[in-house]
Amino acid sequence: METYLFIALFFIYLLCALLLPQQTQRRIWTSAYIVSFLITAVAIGFIKIYADETLMKVGELNWYYILYVFGSISVVLGFINLWLYKSALLAIFFEKSSDESD
């Protein structure tokens, strides 16, 4: 499943690179990253809060625990990166570029 997703995203990226201006590409892929980051954060929160009500507990399987730990680390690092690059992100989404003069 992940392989198909990777291949599909690669082809979508190639199409974007060939057909869209660079500023629009940055907006699309940055938005996709932020949305996936937020979904990951919500999913980890759901696992943590409702661990007793789900089919399996996080601590029951070691590799789920490792996935949970690295997912939590990526959420924290994502917040740090969003904070560090907030001015660049605002520039990507709210500034007009010369590519969009059409």
Protein backbone atom coordinates (compact mmCIF):
# COMPACT_ATOMS: atom_id res chain seq x y z
CA MET A 1 0.00 0.00 0.00
CA GLU A 2 2.72 2.46 0.94
CA THR A 3 4.61 1.70 -2.26
CA TYR A 4 1.58 2.59 -4.38
CA LEU A 5 1.08 5.77 -2.40
CA PHE A 6 4.73 6.74 -2.89
CA ILE A 7 4.56 6.09 -6.64
CA ALA A 8 1.32 8.06 -6.98
CA LEU A 9 2.73 11.04 -5.06
CA PHE A 10 5.89 10.92 -7.17
CA PHE A 11 3.86 11.09 -10.39
CA ILE A 12 1.72 13.91 -9.00
CA TYR A 13 4.90 15.77 -8.09
CA LEU A 14 6.26 15.31 -11.62
CA LEU A 15 3.03 16.64 -13.11
CA CYS A 16 3.11 19.63 -10.77
CA ALA A 17 6.74 20.32 -11.64
CA LEU A 18 5.97 20.30 -15.35
CA LEU A 19 2.67 22.21 -15.33
CA LEU A 20 2.62 24.65 -12.40
CA PRO A 21 4.68 27.69 -11.39
CA GLN A 22 7.13 27.15 -8.55
CA GLN A 23 5.24 29.30 -6.03
CA THR A 24 2.07 27.28 -6.63
CA GLN A 25 4.01 24.05 -6.22
CA ARG A 26 5.35 25.27 -2.89
CA ARG A 27 1.86 26.16 -1.73
CA ILE A 28 0.44 22.77 -2.71
CA TRP A 29 3.20 20.66 -1.17
CA THR A 30 3.53 22.78 1.97
CA SER A 31 -0.23 22.56 2.46
CA ALA A 32 -0.09 18.80 1.99
CA TYR A 33 2.68 18.55 4.60
CA ILE A 34 0.79 20.68 7.11
CA VAL A 35 -2.44 18.70 6.64
CA SER A 36 -0.67 15.35 7.01
CA PHE A 37 1.19 16.71 10.05
CA LEU A 38 -2.09 17.74 11.69
CA ILE A 39 -3.72 14.39 10.89
CA THR A 40 -0.74 12.60 12.46
CA ALA A 41 -1.00 14.77 15.57
CA VAL A 42 -4.73 14.06 15.92
CA ALA A 43 -4.21 10.32 15.34
CA ILE A 44 -1.51 10.14 18.01
CA GLY A 45 -3.72 12.05 20.40
CA PHE A 46 -6.59 9.67 19.66
CA ILE A 47 -4.37 6.65 20.30
CA LYS A 48 -3.17 8.13 23.59
CA ILE A 49 -6.58 9.21 24.88
CA TYR A 50 -8.66 6.22 23.75
CA ALA A 51 -6.05 3.44 24.11
CA ASP A 52 -8.35 1.40 26.35
CA GLU A 53 -11.28 1.53 23.92
CA THR A 54 -9.43 0.58 20.74
CA LEU A 55 -8.94 -2.99 19.58
CA MET A 56 -5.37 -3.10 20.80
CA LYS A 57 -3.42 -1.08 23.28
CA VAL A 58 -0.31 0.81 22.25
CA GLY A 59 1.84 -1.02 24.77
CA GLU A 60 0.77 -4.48 23.61
CA LEU A 61 2.89 -4.54 20.48
CA ASN A 62 6.47 -3.27 20.57
CA TRP A 63 6.54 -1.97 17.01
CA TYR A 64 3.35 0.04 17.59
CA TYR A 65 5.07 1.61 20.57
CA ILE A 66 8.08 2.52 18.41
CA LEU A 67 5.72 3.93 15.78
CA TYR A 68 3.95 5.94 18.48
CA VAL A 69 7.23 7.30 19.88
CA PHE A 70 8.60 8.35 16.50
CA GLY A 71 5.22 9.78 15.52
CA SER A 72 5.22 11.84 18.71
CA ILE A 73 8.76 13.01 18.03
CA SER A 74 7.82 14.01 14.49
CA VAL A 75 4.86 16.03 15.80
CA VAL A 76 7.10 17.93 18.21
CA LEU A 77 9.74 18.50 15.54
CA GLY A 78 7.01 19.59 13.13
CA PHE A 79 5.78 22.24 15.58
CA ILE A 80 9.35 23.45 16.06
CA ASN A 81 9.92 23.65 12.30
CA LEU A 82 6.64 25.44 11.72
CA TRP A 83 7.63 27.98 14.36
CA LEU A 84 11.15 28.44 13.00
CA TYR A 85 9.99 28.90 9.42
CA LYS A 86 6.79 30.84 10.10
CA SER A 87 7.91 33.89 8.11
CA ALA A 88 8.83 31.72 5.10
CA LEU A 89 5.49 29.90 5.35
CA LEU A 90 3.61 33.18 5.47
CA ALA A 91 5.57 34.33 2.42
CA ILE A 92 4.67 31.14 0.54
CA PHE A 93 0.96 31.49 1.18
CA PHE A 94 0.33 35.22 1.24
CA GLU A 95 2.84 36.95 -1.02
CA LYS A 96 2.28 37.43 -4.71
CA SER A 97 5.08 36.15 -6.89
CA SER A 98 6.14 37.06 -10.40
CA ASP A 99 5.21 33.53 -11.54
CA GLU A 100 1.50 34.33 -11.09
CA SER A 101 1.40 37.38 -13.33
CA ASP A 102 -0.85 35.60 -15.87
